[in-house]
């Protein structure tokens, strides 16, 4: 992976403006066996983030996504890369929080300033409505914009079957905010031996993946052709798409994949595993990248399971 110049990062903070954290305190009433008692609870923070692209002096409002504050620059860059608005880190001049709005919204808007020479077509990929924390594809301007062009995936590593089984527990052990709130998704980047290299959390499963991709972009480590992506929930179409655009050849999910996710994984040559729990899982596409214990497994069908459970 080639080295590249660092992305400029700017901070502008009006005096006294608090920076939101990943959790907030809330009052609740705990009910146990019909008995109610007041209690203090910790919740995952959910706030909007507006992503703005500045190109040749003009600002373009690209999208608003509901997210958990933290790693916001990575989120913005990962989102733009996944939408094919960025081809690489060399196209980015600076990333900064915006001070153009009310002070309380300072940390809810990120501006990505592109180099003058970078190509940019805002209208072609602009979203019509904001993306909620549960749906990253809602509001696409057109169905044609959903399938983002990406280069063919590399062959990638061959991993042992038990490495895939180990990924959810390794990811869960590093989900610090989830342990406090029980309310966050996570995405983790692993090497072929199952070593966790990077983890990001967010109320939106697609945001967590964007944060991982954004971190890779900032470090100049794309495409991630020798890595595995583990997600804490289901594998949606958009998660598979984001992984494919980032060059990640193996995606593993704790829960089920959608039909479109399976179709896209097969189309791009990605290895997609679902229902990864305990010592079992289903492989829906690309089983050739997994080294099974039994010699005949290379011929196992990768079609969807009919019972919805793990193998």
Foldseek 3Di string as FASTA:
>chain_A
DDFDDFAAEDEDADPPADDDAQKDKDWDWDADPNDTDIDIAIAGDWDKAWEWEAEPNDIDTAAIEIKRDDLVQLLNQLVCLLLVQDPAPLQWHYKYFDDPDDNNCRRRYIYTYTDNPRDGDRVVFGFPHHAYLAGDPPRTPDPVSLQDDADFADPAAAAALVLLLPQLVVQVVPPVVCVRHVQWKKKFKAARDNHTDDMAIMNHQLSRLSSVLSVCRSRVNFLVRGIEMEIEAEAELSSLSSNVRSNHQYYEYCFYYDPNSLVVNQVRQHWYWHNSHRSWTATQGNCVSYDYPDPPCVPDHNHDDPVRHTD
